[in-house]
PDB file of all heavy atoms in Angstrom:
ATOM      1  N   PHE A   1       8.770  -0.834 -12.311  1.00  0.00           N
ATOM      2  CA  PHE A   1       8.181  -0.189 -11.144  1.00  0.00           C
ATOM      3  C   PHE A   1       9.018  -0.509  -9.916  1.00  0.00           C
ATOM      4  O   PHE A   1       9.310  -1.670  -9.627  1.00  0.00           O
ATOM      5  CB  PHE A   1       6.756  -0.692 -10.906  1.00  0.00           C
ATOM      6  CG  PHE A   1       5.787  -0.325 -11.998  1.00  0.00           C
ATOM      7  CD1 PHE A   1       4.695  -1.146 -12.253  1.00  0.00           C
ATOM      8  CD2 PHE A   1       5.940   0.820 -12.752  1.00  0.00           C
ATOM      9  CE1 PHE A   1       3.777  -0.817 -13.251  1.00  0.00           C
ATOM     10  CE2 PHE A   1       5.033   1.154 -13.752  1.00  0.00           C
ATOM     11  CZ  PHE A   1       3.945   0.328 -14.004  1.00  0.00           C
ATOM     12  N   CYS A   2       9.378   0.518  -9.183  1.00  0.00           N
ATOM     13  CA  CYS A   2      10.146   0.362  -7.949  1.00  0.00           C
ATOM     14  C   CYS A   2       9.314   0.842  -6.769  1.00  0.00           C
ATOM     15  O   CYS A   2       8.518   1.787  -6.908  1.00  0.00           O
ATOM     16  CB  CYS A   2      11.448   1.159  -8.045  1.00  0.00           C
ATOM     17  SG  CYS A   2      12.490   1.055  -6.579  1.00  0.00           S
ATOM     18  N   GLU A   3       9.479   0.228  -5.630  1.00  0.00           N
ATOM     19  CA  GLU A   3       8.687   0.572  -4.454  1.00  0.00           C
ATOM     20  C   GLU A   3       8.877   2.022  -4.017  1.00  0.00           C
ATOM     21  O   GLU A   3       8.016   2.584  -3.333  1.00  0.00           O
ATOM     22  CB  GLU A   3       9.028  -0.355  -3.281  1.00  0.00           C
ATOM     23  CG  GLU A   3       8.684  -1.814  -3.514  1.00  0.00           C
ATOM     24  CD  GLU A   3       9.848  -2.605  -4.080  1.00  0.00           C
ATOM     25  OE1 GLU A   3      10.761  -1.990  -4.682  1.00  0.00           O
ATOM     26  OE2 GLU A   3       9.839  -3.842  -3.930  1.00  0.00           O
ATOM     27  N   SER A   4       9.981   2.633  -4.410  1.00  0.00           N
ATOM     28  CA  SER A   4      10.219   4.033  -4.056  1.00  0.00           C
ATOM     29  C   SER A   4       9.507   5.006  -4.998  1.00  0.00           C
ATOM     30  O   SER A   4       9.498   6.211  -4.760  1.00  0.00           O
ATOM     31  CB  SER A   4      11.724   4.330  -4.055  1.00  0.00           C
ATOM     32  OG  SER A   4      12.285   4.078  -5.329  1.00  0.00           O
ATOM     33  N   ASP A   5       8.893   4.493  -6.075  1.00  0.00           N
ATOM     34  CA  ASP A   5       8.149   5.347  -7.006  1.00  0.00           C
ATOM     35  C   ASP A   5       6.898   5.911  -6.350  1.00  0.00           C
ATOM     36  O   ASP A   5       6.312   5.287  -5.457  1.00  0.00           O
ATOM     37  CB  ASP A   5       7.731   4.551  -8.249  1.00  0.00           C
ATOM     38  CG  ASP A   5       8.907   4.158  -9.121  1.00  0.00           C
ATOM     39  OD1 ASP A   5       9.970   4.783  -8.985  1.00  0.00           O
ATOM     40  OD2 ASP A   5       8.753   3.221  -9.938  1.00  0.00           O
ATOM     41  N   GLY A   6       6.464   7.057  -6.838  1.00  0.00           N
ATOM     42  CA  GLY A   6       5.195   7.614  -6.373  1.00  0.00           C
ATOM     43  C   GLY A   6       4.024   6.770  -6.836  1.00  0.00           C
ATOM     44  O   GLY A   6       4.037   6.226  -7.946  1.00  0.00           O
ATOM     45  N   VAL A   7       3.017   6.657  -5.990  1.00  0.00           N
ATOM     46  CA  VAL A   7       1.822   5.867  -6.338  1.00  0.00           C
ATOM     47  C   VAL A   7       0.563   6.676  -5.999  1.00  0.00           C
ATOM     48  O   VAL A   7      -0.380   6.160  -5.407  1.00  0.00           O
ATOM     49  CB  VAL A   7       1.811   4.492  -5.615  1.00  0.00           C
ATOM     50  CG1 VAL A   7       2.813   3.550  -6.242  1.00  0.00           C
ATOM     51  CG2 VAL A   7       2.113   4.647  -4.129  1.00  0.00           C
ATOM     52  N   ASP A   8       0.577   7.914  -6.422  1.00  0.00           N
ATOM     53  CA  ASP A   8      -0.510   8.826  -6.076  1.00  0.00           C
ATOM     54  C   ASP A   8      -1.485   9.076  -7.216  1.00  0.00           C
ATOM     55  O   ASP A   8      -2.298   9.997  -7.144  1.00  0.00           O
ATOM     56  CB  ASP A   8       0.075  10.172  -5.619  1.00  0.00           C
ATOM     57  CG  ASP A   8       0.905  10.041  -4.350  1.00  0.00           C
ATOM     58  OD1 ASP A   8       0.519   9.231  -3.484  1.00  0.00           O
ATOM     59  OD2 ASP A   8       1.930  10.727  -4.237  1.00  0.00           O
ATOM     60  N   HIS A   9      -1.425   8.253  -8.259  1.00  0.00           N
ATOM     61  CA  HIS A   9      -2.315   8.460  -9.408  1.00  0.00           C
ATOM     62  C   HIS A   9      -2.987   7.152  -9.820  1.00  0.00           C
ATOM     63  O   HIS A   9      -2.765   6.648 -10.929  1.00  0.00           O
ATOM     64  CB  HIS A   9      -1.527   9.061 -10.583  1.00  0.00           C
ATOM     65  CG  HIS A   9      -0.900  10.373 -10.260  1.00  0.00           C
ATOM     66  ND1 HIS A   9       0.356  10.489  -9.710  1.00  0.00           N
ATOM     67  CD2 HIS A   9      -1.383  11.632 -10.373  1.00  0.00           C
ATOM     68  CE1 HIS A   9       0.639  11.764  -9.521  1.00  0.00           C
ATOM     69  NE2 HIS A   9      -0.401  12.483  -9.902  1.00  0.00           N
ATOM     70  N   PRO A  10      -3.802   6.564  -8.931  1.00  0.00           N
ATOM     71  CA  PRO A  10      -4.489   5.312  -9.274  1.00  0.00           C
ATOM     72  C   PRO A  10      -5.470   5.526 -10.424  1.00  0.00           C
ATOM     73  O   PRO A  10      -6.059   6.601 -10.568  1.00  0.00           O
ATOM     74  CB  PRO A  10      -5.217   4.943  -7.979  1.00  0.00           C
ATOM     75  CG  PRO A  10      -5.391   6.243  -7.254  1.00  0.00           C
ATOM     76  CD  PRO A  10      -4.176   7.060  -7.592  1.00  0.00           C
ATOM     77  N   LEU A  11      -5.647   4.481 -11.223  1.00  0.00           N
ATOM     78  CA  LEU A  11      -6.529   4.563 -12.392  1.00  0.00           C
ATOM     79  C   LEU A  11      -7.831   3.803 -12.198  1.00  0.00           C
ATOM     80  O   LEU A  11      -8.649   3.736 -13.115  1.00  0.00           O
ATOM     81  CB  LEU A  11      -5.793   4.036 -13.630  1.00  0.00           C
ATOM     82  CG  LEU A  11      -4.500   4.774 -14.003  1.00  0.00           C
ATOM     83  CD1 LEU A  11      -3.910   4.187 -15.293  1.00  0.00           C
ATOM     84  CD2 LEU A  11      -4.743   6.268 -14.162  1.00  0.00           C
ATOM     85  N   SER A  12      -8.018   3.207 -11.036  1.00  0.00           N
ATOM     86  CA  SER A  12      -9.267   2.505 -10.730  1.00  0.00           C
ATOM     87  C   SER A  12      -9.520   2.570  -9.228  1.00  0.00           C
ATOM     88  O   SER A  12      -8.579   2.778  -8.448  1.00  0.00           O
ATOM     89  CB  SER A  12      -9.196   1.036 -11.178  1.00  0.00           C
ATOM     90  OG  SER A  12      -8.251   0.326 -10.392  1.00  0.00           O
ATOM     91  N   LEU A  13     -10.761   2.380  -8.831  1.00  0.00           N
ATOM     92  CA  LEU A  13     -11.066   2.362  -7.404  1.00  0.00           C
ATOM     93  C   LEU A  13     -10.389   1.169  -6.734  1.00  0.00           C
ATOM     94  O   LEU A  13      -9.948   1.266  -5.581  1.00  0.00           O
ATOM     95  CB  LEU A  13     -12.574   2.305  -7.178  1.00  0.00           C
ATOM     96  CG  LEU A  13     -12.991   2.332  -5.701  1.00  0.00           C
ATOM     97  CD1 LEU A  13     -12.596   3.651  -5.043  1.00  0.00           C
ATOM     98  CD2 LEU A  13     -14.484   2.089  -5.552  1.00  0.00           C
ATOM     99  N   TYR A  14     -10.302   0.053  -7.452  1.00  0.00           N
ATOM    100  CA  TYR A  14      -9.594  -1.104  -6.897  1.00  0.00           C
ATOM    101  C   TYR A  14      -8.178  -0.713  -6.500  1.00  0.00           C
ATOM    102  O   TYR A  14      -7.719  -0.999  -5.391  1.00  0.00           O
ATOM    103  CB  TYR A  14      -9.563  -2.237  -7.928  1.00  0.00           C
ATOM    104  CG  TYR A  14      -8.617  -3.358  -7.568  1.00  0.00           C
ATOM    105  CD1 TYR A  14      -8.900  -4.219  -6.511  1.00  0.00           C
ATOM    106  CD2 TYR A  14      -7.428  -3.546  -8.282  1.00  0.00           C
ATOM    107  CE1 TYR A  14      -8.028  -5.239  -6.171  1.00  0.00           C
ATOM    108  CE2 TYR A  14      -6.555  -4.567  -7.947  1.00  0.00           C
ATOM    109  CZ  TYR A  14      -6.864  -5.412  -6.887  1.00  0.00           C
ATOM    110  OH  TYR A  14      -5.980  -6.412  -6.540  1.00  0.00           O
ATOM    111  N   ALA A  15      -7.465  -0.045  -7.408  1.00  0.00           N
ATOM    112  CA  ALA A  15      -6.099   0.386  -7.111  1.00  0.00           C
ATOM    113  C   ALA A  15      -6.070   1.352  -5.933  1.00  0.00           C
ATOM    114  O   ALA A  15      -5.179   1.277  -5.075  1.00  0.00           O
ATOM    115  CB  ALA A  15      -5.479   1.030  -8.349  1.00  0.00           C
ATOM    116  N   ALA A  16      -7.039   2.247  -5.872  1.00  0.00           N
ATOM    117  CA  ALA A  16      -7.088   3.214  -4.776  1.00  0.00           C
ATOM    118  C   ALA A  16      -7.273   2.522  -3.432  1.00  0.00           C
ATOM    119  O   ALA A  16      -6.669   2.920  -2.428  1.00  0.00           O
ATOM    120  CB  ALA A  16      -8.207   4.224  -5.019  1.00  0.00           C
ATOM    121  N   THR A  17      -8.091   1.463  -3.396  1.00  0.00           N
ATOM    122  CA  THR A  17      -8.292   0.762  -2.123  1.00  0.00           C
ATOM    123  C   THR A  17      -7.027   0.023  -1.708  1.00  0.00           C
ATOM    124  O   THR A  17      -6.718  -0.072  -0.508  1.00  0.00           O
ATOM    125  CB  THR A  17      -9.461  -0.236  -2.198  1.00  0.00           C
ATOM    126  OG1 THR A  17      -9.188  -1.264  -3.169  1.00  0.00           O
ATOM    127  CG2 THR A  17     -10.764   0.465  -2.539  1.00  0.00           C
ATOM    128  N   LYS A  18      -6.276  -0.489  -2.663  1.00  0.00           N
ATOM    129  CA  LYS A  18      -5.039  -1.191  -2.326  1.00  0.00           C
ATOM    130  C   LYS A  18      -3.988  -0.210  -1.805  1.00  0.00           C
ATOM    131  O   LYS A  18      -3.236  -0.517  -0.870  1.00  0.00           O
ATOM    132  CB  LYS A  18      -4.512  -1.957  -3.538  1.00  0.00           C
ATOM    133  CG  LYS A  18      -5.331  -3.199  -3.868  1.00  0.00           C
ATOM    134  CD  LYS A  18      -5.327  -4.170  -2.701  1.00  0.00           C
ATOM    135  CE  LYS A  18      -6.065  -5.446  -2.971  1.00  0.00           C
ATOM    136  NZ  LYS A  18      -6.035  -6.373  -1.808  1.00  0.00           N
ATOM    137  N   ARG A  19      -3.926   0.965  -2.391  1.00  0.00           N
ATOM    138  CA  ARG A  19      -3.017   1.980  -1.867  1.00  0.00           C
ATOM    139  C   ARG A  19      -3.469   2.420  -0.479  1.00  0.00           C
ATOM    140  O   ARG A  19      -2.643   2.644   0.425  1.00  0.00           O
ATOM    141  CB  ARG A  19      -2.961   3.177  -2.815  1.00  0.00           C
ATOM    142  CG  ARG A  19      -2.077   4.321  -2.322  1.00  0.00           C
ATOM    143  CD  ARG A  19      -0.672   3.865  -2.020  1.00  0.00           C
ATOM    144  NE  ARG A  19       0.163   4.964  -1.535  1.00  0.00           N
ATOM    145  CZ  ARG A  19       1.193   4.816  -0.715  1.00  0.00           C
ATOM    146  NH1 ARG A  19       1.538   3.603  -0.283  1.00  0.00           N
ATOM    147  NH2 ARG A  19       1.906   5.858  -0.343  1.00  0.00           N
ATOM    148  N   ALA A  20      -4.774   2.536  -0.285  1.00  0.00           N
ATOM    149  CA  ALA A  20      -5.295   2.889   1.030  1.00  0.00           C
ATOM    150  C   ALA A  20      -4.895   1.849   2.074  1.00  0.00           C
ATOM    151  O   ALA A  20      -4.573   2.189   3.221  1.00  0.00           O
ATOM    152  CB  ALA A  20      -6.819   3.030   0.981  1.00  0.00           C
ATOM    153  N   ASN A  21      -4.898   0.579   1.687  1.00  0.00           N
ATOM    154  CA  ASN A  21      -4.457  -0.477   2.609  1.00  0.00           C
ATOM    155  C   ASN A  21      -3.035  -0.235   3.079  1.00  0.00           C
ATOM    156  O   ASN A  21      -2.711  -0.408   4.261  1.00  0.00           O
ATOM    157  CB  ASN A  21      -4.539  -1.841   1.927  1.00  0.00           C
ATOM    158  CG  ASN A  21      -5.946  -2.362   1.749  1.00  0.00           C
ATOM    159  OD1 ASN A  21      -6.162  -3.357   1.073  1.00  0.00           O
ATOM    160  ND2 ASN A  21      -6.935  -1.700   2.339  1.00  0.00           N
ATOM    161  N   GLU A  22      -2.162   0.161   2.163  1.00  0.00           N
ATOM    162  CA  GLU A  22      -0.771   0.415   2.526  1.00  0.00           C
ATOM    163  C   GLU A  22      -0.668   1.559   3.533  1.00  0.00           C
ATOM    164  O   GLU A  22       0.107   1.497   4.498  1.00  0.00           O
ATOM    165  CB  GLU A  22       0.048   0.731   1.272  1.00  0.00           C
ATOM    166  CG  GLU A  22       0.137  -0.448   0.301  1.00  0.00           C
ATOM    167  CD  GLU A  22       0.851  -0.107  -0.995  1.00  0.00           C
ATOM    168  OE1 GLU A  22       1.198   1.082  -1.190  1.00  0.00           O
ATOM    169  OE2 GLU A  22       1.069  -1.025  -1.817  1.00  0.00           O
ATOM    170  N   LEU A  23      -1.450   2.604   3.317  1.00  0.00           N
ATOM    171  CA  LEU A  23      -1.429   3.747   4.229  1.00  0.00           C
ATOM    172  C   LEU A  23      -2.008   3.379   5.593  1.00  0.00           C
ATOM    173  O   LEU A  23      -1.489   3.785   6.641  1.00  0.00           O
ATOM    174  CB  LEU A  23      -2.211   4.909   3.618  1.00  0.00           C
ATOM    175  CG  LEU A  23      -1.663   5.458   2.294  1.00  0.00           C
ATOM    176  CD1 LEU A  23      -2.611   6.494   1.722  1.00  0.00           C
ATOM    177  CD2 LEU A  23      -0.275   6.057   2.483  1.00  0.00           C
ATOM    178  N   MET A  24      -3.083   2.601   5.592  1.00  0.00           N
ATOM    179  CA  MET A  24      -3.679   2.153   6.849  1.00  0.00           C
ATOM    180  C   MET A  24      -2.700   1.280   7.626  1.00  0.00           C
ATOM    181  O   MET A  24      -2.563   1.404   8.851  1.00  0.00           O
ATOM    182  CB  MET A  24      -4.972   1.388   6.559  1.00  0.00           C
ATOM    183  CG  MET A  24      -6.079   2.253   5.958  1.00  0.00           C
ATOM    184  SD  MET A  24      -7.397   1.264   5.174  1.00  0.00           S
ATOM    185  CE  MET A  24      -8.200   0.576   6.625  1.00  0.00           C
ATOM    186  N   ALA A  25      -2.007   0.390   6.909  1.00  0.00           N
ATOM    187  CA  ALA A  25      -1.034  -0.492   7.563  1.00  0.00           C
ATOM    188  C   ALA A  25       0.076   0.328   8.207  1.00  0.00           C
ATOM    189  O   ALA A  25       0.506   0.039   9.340  1.00  0.00           O
ATOM    190  CB  ALA A  25      -0.461  -1.479   6.551  1.00  0.00           C
ATOM    191  N   HIS A  26       0.552   1.360   7.504  1.00  0.00           N
ATOM    192  CA  HIS A  26       1.611   2.181   8.088  1.00  0.00           C
ATOM    193  C   HIS A  26       1.149   2.840   9.378  1.00  0.00           C
ATOM    194  O   HIS A  26       1.902   2.916  10.364  1.00  0.00           O
ATOM    195  CB  HIS A  26       2.094   3.250   7.113  1.00  0.00           C
ATOM    196  CG  HIS A  26       3.227   4.057   7.680  1.00  0.00           C
ATOM    197  ND1 HIS A  26       3.014   5.228   8.389  1.00  0.00           N
ATOM    198  CD2 HIS A  26       4.563   3.843   7.700  1.00  0.00           C
ATOM    199  CE1 HIS A  26       4.185   5.705   8.803  1.00  0.00           C
ATOM    200  NE2 HIS A  26       5.137   4.881   8.396  1.00  0.00           N
ATOM    201  N   THR A  27      -0.075   3.306   9.385  1.00  0.00           N
ATOM    202  CA  THR A  27      -0.603   3.952  10.591  1.00  0.00           C
ATOM    203  C   THR A  27      -0.569   2.997  11.776  1.00  0.00           C
ATOM    204  O   THR A  27      -0.141   3.365  12.875  1.00  0.00           O
ATOM    205  CB  THR A  27      -2.048   4.433  10.346  1.00  0.00           C
ATOM    206  OG1 THR A  27      -2.056   5.336   9.240  1.00  0.00           O
ATOM    207  CG2 THR A  27      -2.608   5.133  11.569  1.00  0.00           C
ATOM    208  N   TYR A  28      -0.996   1.757  11.561  1.00  0.00           N
ATOM    209  CA  TYR A  28      -1.026   0.781  12.656  1.00  0.00           C
ATOM    210  C   TYR A  28       0.385   0.338  13.046  1.00  0.00           C
ATOM    211  O   TYR A  28       0.650   0.067  14.220  1.00  0.00           O
ATOM    212  CB  TYR A  28      -1.906  -0.413  12.285  1.00  0.00           C
ATOM    213  CG  TYR A  28      -3.357  -0.174  12.646  1.00  0.00           C
ATOM    214  CD1 TYR A  28      -4.107   0.803  11.990  1.00  0.00           C
ATOM    215  CD2 TYR A  28      -3.980  -0.889  13.665  1.00  0.00           C
ATOM    216  CE1 TYR A  28      -5.426   1.046  12.326  1.00  0.00           C
ATOM    217  CE2 TYR A  28      -5.297  -0.660  14.014  1.00  0.00           C
ATOM    218  CZ  TYR A  28      -6.014   0.319  13.342  1.00  0.00           C
ATOM    219  OH  TYR A  28      -7.319   0.564  13.698  1.00  0.00           O
ATOM    220  N   SER A  29       1.277   0.277  12.078  1.00  0.00           N
ATOM    221  CA  SER A  29       2.674  -0.042  12.405  1.00  0.00           C
ATOM    222  C   SER A  29       3.275   1.070  13.258  1.00  0.00           C
ATOM    223  O   SER A  29       4.013   0.816  14.221  1.00  0.00           O
ATOM    224  CB  SER A  29       3.497  -0.220  11.120  1.00  0.00           C
ATOM    225  OG  SER A  29       3.080  -1.348  10.397  1.00  0.00           O
ATOM    226  N   HIS A  30       2.961   2.311  12.900  1.00  0.00           N
ATOM    227  CA  HIS A  30       3.501   3.461  13.631  1.00  0.00           C
ATOM    228  C   HIS A  30       2.890   3.596  15.029  1.00  0.00           C
ATOM    229  O   HIS A  30       3.606   3.778  16.018  1.00  0.00           O
ATOM    230  CB  HIS A  30       3.249   4.734  12.824  1.00  0.00           C
ATOM    231  CG  HIS A  30       3.562   5.990  13.570  1.00  0.00           C
ATOM    232  ND1 HIS A  30       4.855   6.405  13.844  1.00  0.00           N
ATOM    233  CD2 HIS A  30       2.741   6.923  14.131  1.00  0.00           C
ATOM    234  CE1 HIS A  30       4.820   7.540  14.521  1.00  0.00           C
ATOM    235  NE2 HIS A  30       3.550   7.875  14.717  1.00  0.00           N
ATOM    236  N   LEU A  31       1.589   3.492  15.106  1.00  0.00           N
ATOM    237  CA  LEU A  31       0.915   3.733  16.381  1.00  0.00           C
ATOM    238  C   LEU A  31       1.059   2.571  17.362  1.00  0.00           C
ATOM    239  O   LEU A  31       1.210   2.782  18.568  1.00  0.00           O
ATOM    240  CB  LEU A  31      -0.570   4.014  16.146  1.00  0.00           C
ATOM    241  CG  LEU A  31      -0.922   5.330  15.458  1.00  0.00           C
ATOM    242  CD1 LEU A  31      -2.416   5.389  15.180  1.00  0.00           C
ATOM    243  CD2 LEU A  31      -0.497   6.528  16.312  1.00  0.00           C
ATOM    244  N   TYR A  32       1.007   1.352  16.836  1.00  0.00           N
ATOM    245  CA  TYR A  32       0.907   0.187  17.716  1.00  0.00           C
ATOM    246  C   TYR A  32       2.079  -0.789  17.578  1.00  0.00           C
ATOM    247  O   TYR A  32       2.091  -1.821  18.249  1.00  0.00           O
ATOM    248  CB  TYR A  32      -0.411  -0.544  17.463  1.00  0.00           C
ATOM    249  CG  TYR A  32      -1.605   0.384  17.521  1.00  0.00           C
ATOM    250  CD1 TYR A  32      -2.385   0.619  16.383  1.00  0.00           C
ATOM    251  CD2 TYR A  32      -1.935   1.061  18.697  1.00  0.00           C
ATOM    252  CE1 TYR A  32      -3.474   1.488  16.423  1.00  0.00           C
ATOM    253  CE2 TYR A  32      -3.020   1.934  18.737  1.00  0.00           C
ATOM    254  CZ  TYR A  32      -3.775   2.145  17.599  1.00  0.00           C
ATOM    255  OH  TYR A  32      -4.841   3.011  17.649  1.00  0.00           O
ATOM    256  N   GLY A  33       3.026  -0.481  16.702  1.00  0.00           N
ATOM    257  CA  GLY A  33       4.198  -1.335  16.566  1.00  0.00           C
ATOM    258  C   GLY A  33       3.936  -2.664  15.908  1.00  0.00           C
ATOM    259  O   GLY A  33       4.718  -3.616  16.089  1.00  0.00           O
ATOM    260  N   ILE A  34       2.853  -2.781  15.134  1.00  0.00           N
ATOM    261  CA  ILE A  34       2.536  -4.050  14.461  1.00  0.00           C
ATOM    262  C   ILE A  34       3.389  -4.167  13.200  1.00  0.00           C
ATOM    263  O   ILE A  34       3.288  -3.330  12.299  1.00  0.00           O
ATOM    264  CB  ILE A  34       1.051  -4.111  14.070  1.00  0.00           C
ATOM    265  CG1 ILE A  34       0.160  -3.959  15.301  1.00  0.00           C
ATOM    266  CG2 ILE A  34       0.742  -5.414  13.333  1.00  0.00           C
ATOM    267  CD1 ILE A  34      -1.298  -3.730  14.959  1.00  0.00           C
ATOM    268  N   PRO A  35       4.236  -5.180  13.088  1.00  0.00           N
ATOM    269  CA  PRO A  35       5.006  -5.365  11.851  1.00  0.00           C
ATOM    270  C   PRO A  35       4.069  -5.709  10.687  1.00  0.00           C
ATOM    271  O   PRO A  35       3.276  -6.648  10.772  1.00  0.00           O
ATOM    272  CB  PRO A  35       5.933  -6.539  12.171  1.00  0.00           C
ATOM    273  CG  PRO A  35       6.002  -6.579  13.668  1.00  0.00           C
ATOM    274  CD  PRO A  35       4.645  -6.153  14.132  1.00  0.00           C
ATOM    275  N   THR A  36       4.143  -4.918   9.611  1.00  0.00           N
ATOM    276  CA  THR A  36       3.284  -5.154   8.451  1.00  0.00           C
ATOM    277  C   THR A  36       4.112  -5.143   7.174  1.00  0.00           C
ATOM    278  O   THR A  36       5.043  -4.356   7.026  1.00  0.00           O
ATOM    279  CB  THR A  36       2.178  -4.083   8.317  1.00  0.00           C
ATOM    280  OG1 THR A  36       2.776  -2.806   8.062  1.00  0.00           O
ATOM    281  CG2 THR A  36       1.324  -4.013   9.571  1.00  0.00           C
ATOM    282  N   THR A  37       3.750  -6.046   6.260  1.00  0.00           N
ATOM    283  CA  THR A  37       4.373  -6.096   4.939  1.00  0.00           C
ATOM    284  C   THR A  37       3.285  -6.165   3.886  1.00  0.00           C
ATOM    285  O   THR A  37       2.458  -7.084   3.897  1.00  0.00           O
ATOM    286  CB  THR A  37       5.294  -7.326   4.789  1.00  0.00           C
ATOM    287  OG1 THR A  37       6.345  -7.263   5.751  1.00  0.00           O
ATOM    288  CG2 THR A  37       5.904  -7.365   3.387  1.00  0.00           C
ATOM    289  N   GLY A  38       3.268  -5.201   2.991  1.00  0.00           N
ATOM    290  CA  GLY A  38       2.348  -5.217   1.862  1.00  0.00           C
ATOM    291  C   GLY A  38       3.056  -5.748   0.636  1.00  0.00           C
ATOM    292  O   GLY A  38       4.172  -5.314   0.310  1.00  0.00           O
ATOM    293  N   LEU A  39       2.457  -6.702  -0.039  1.00  0.00           N
ATOM    294  CA  LEU A  39       3.052  -7.319  -1.231  1.00  0.00           C
ATOM    295  C   LEU A  39       2.273  -6.890  -2.468  1.00  0.00           C
ATOM    296  O   LEU A  39       1.073  -7.175  -2.588  1.00  0.00           O
ATOM    297  CB  LEU A  39       3.049  -8.842  -1.104  1.00  0.00           C
ATOM    298  CG  LEU A  39       3.949  -9.410  -0.007  1.00  0.00           C
ATOM    299  CD1 LEU A  39       3.761 -10.916   0.111  1.00  0.00           C
ATOM    300  CD2 LEU A  39       5.414  -9.082  -0.277  1.00  0.00           C
ATOM    301  N   ARG A  40       2.956  -6.205  -3.358  1.00  0.00           N
ATOM    302  CA  ARG A  40       2.330  -5.754  -4.596  1.00  0.00           C
ATOM    303  C   ARG A  40       2.450  -6.854  -5.646  1.00  0.00           C
ATOM    304  O   ARG A  40       3.481  -7.019  -6.296  1.00  0.00           O
ATOM    305  CB  ARG A  40       3.004  -4.456  -5.071  1.00  0.00           C
ATOM    306  CG  ARG A  40       2.749  -3.290  -4.134  1.00  0.00           C
ATOM    307  CD  ARG A  40       3.568  -2.058  -4.500  1.00  0.00           C
ATOM    308  NE  ARG A  40       3.228  -0.919  -3.645  1.00  0.00           N
ATOM    309  CZ  ARG A  40       3.891   0.240  -3.633  1.00  0.00           C
ATOM    310  NH1 ARG A  40       4.947   0.399  -4.427  1.00  0.00           N
ATOM    311  NH2 ARG A  40       3.509   1.213  -2.827  1.00  0.00           N
ATOM    312  N   PHE A  41       1.375  -7.634  -5.800  1.00  0.00           N
ATOM    313  CA  PHE A  41       1.362  -8.760  -6.724  1.00  0.00           C
ATOM    314  C   PHE A  41       1.304  -8.272  -8.172  1.00  0.00           C
ATOM    315  O   PHE A  41       0.572  -7.338  -8.502  1.00  0.00           O
ATOM    316  CB  PHE A  41       0.164  -9.659  -6.465  1.00  0.00           C
ATOM    317  CG  PHE A  41       0.166 -10.342  -5.129  1.00  0.00           C
ATOM    318  CD1 PHE A  41      -1.028 -10.543  -4.437  1.00  0.00           C
ATOM    319  CD2 PHE A  41       1.328 -10.795  -4.556  1.00  0.00           C
ATOM    320  CE1 PHE A  41      -1.041 -11.185  -3.215  1.00  0.00           C
ATOM    321  CE2 PHE A  41       1.329 -11.439  -3.332  1.00  0.00           C
ATOM    322  CZ  PHE A  41       0.137 -11.630  -2.659  1.00  0.00           C
ATOM    323  N   PHE A  42       2.037  -8.963  -9.038  1.00  0.00           N
ATOM    324  CA  PHE A  42       2.055  -8.656 -10.462  1.00  0.00           C
ATOM    325  C   PHE A  42       1.458  -9.819 -11.247  1.00  0.00           C
ATOM    326  O   PHE A  42       2.048 -10.898 -11.328  1.00  0.00           O
ATOM    327  CB  PHE A  42       3.487  -8.382 -10.937  1.00  0.00           C
ATOM    328  CG  PHE A  42       3.994  -7.003 -10.631  1.00  0.00           C
ATOM    329  CD1 PHE A  42       4.268  -6.628  -9.328  1.00  0.00           C
ATOM    330  CD2 PHE A  42       4.184  -6.074 -11.641  1.00  0.00           C
ATOM    331  CE1 PHE A  42       4.736  -5.358  -9.033  1.00  0.00           C
ATOM    332  CE2 PHE A  42       4.646  -4.796 -11.364  1.00  0.00           C
ATOM    333  CZ  PHE A  42       4.930  -4.427 -10.053  1.00  0.00           C
ATOM    334  N   THR A  43       0.270  -9.648 -11.793  1.00  0.00           N
ATOM    335  CA  THR A  43      -0.420 -10.554 -12.722  1.00  0.00           C
ATOM    336  C   THR A  43      -0.139 -12.023 -12.436  1.00  0.00           C
ATOM    337  O   THR A  43       0.609 -12.696 -13.164  1.00  0.00           O
ATOM    338  CB  THR A  43      -0.067 -10.228 -14.187  1.00  0.00           C
ATOM    339  OG1 THR A  43      -0.110  -8.812 -14.399  1.00  0.00           O
ATOM    340  CG2 THR A  43      -1.072 -10.893 -15.143  1.00  0.00           C
ATOM    341  N   VAL A  44      -0.750 -12.518 -11.390  1.00  0.00           N
ATOM    342  CA  VAL A  44      -0.534 -13.906 -10.964  1.00  0.00           C
ATOM    343  C   VAL A  44      -1.368 -14.846 -11.837  1.00  0.00           C
ATOM    344  O   VAL A  44      -2.538 -14.576 -12.124  1.00  0.00           O
ATOM    345  CB  VAL A  44      -0.919 -14.072  -9.481  1.00  0.00           C
ATOM    346  CG1 VAL A  44      -0.480 -15.448  -8.979  1.00  0.00           C
ATOM    347  CG2 VAL A  44      -0.306 -12.963  -8.633  1.00  0.00           C
TER     348      VAL A  44
END
């Protein structure tokens, strides 16, 4: 999985909320200049 891959087909609501977080973060970074980094954790 690469960060440039499409992520538009979540298989659970949990996954959908995490993708929503990424989109929300981008909005705040764009509108207000807040530096944001989303980390996609893999089976910790």
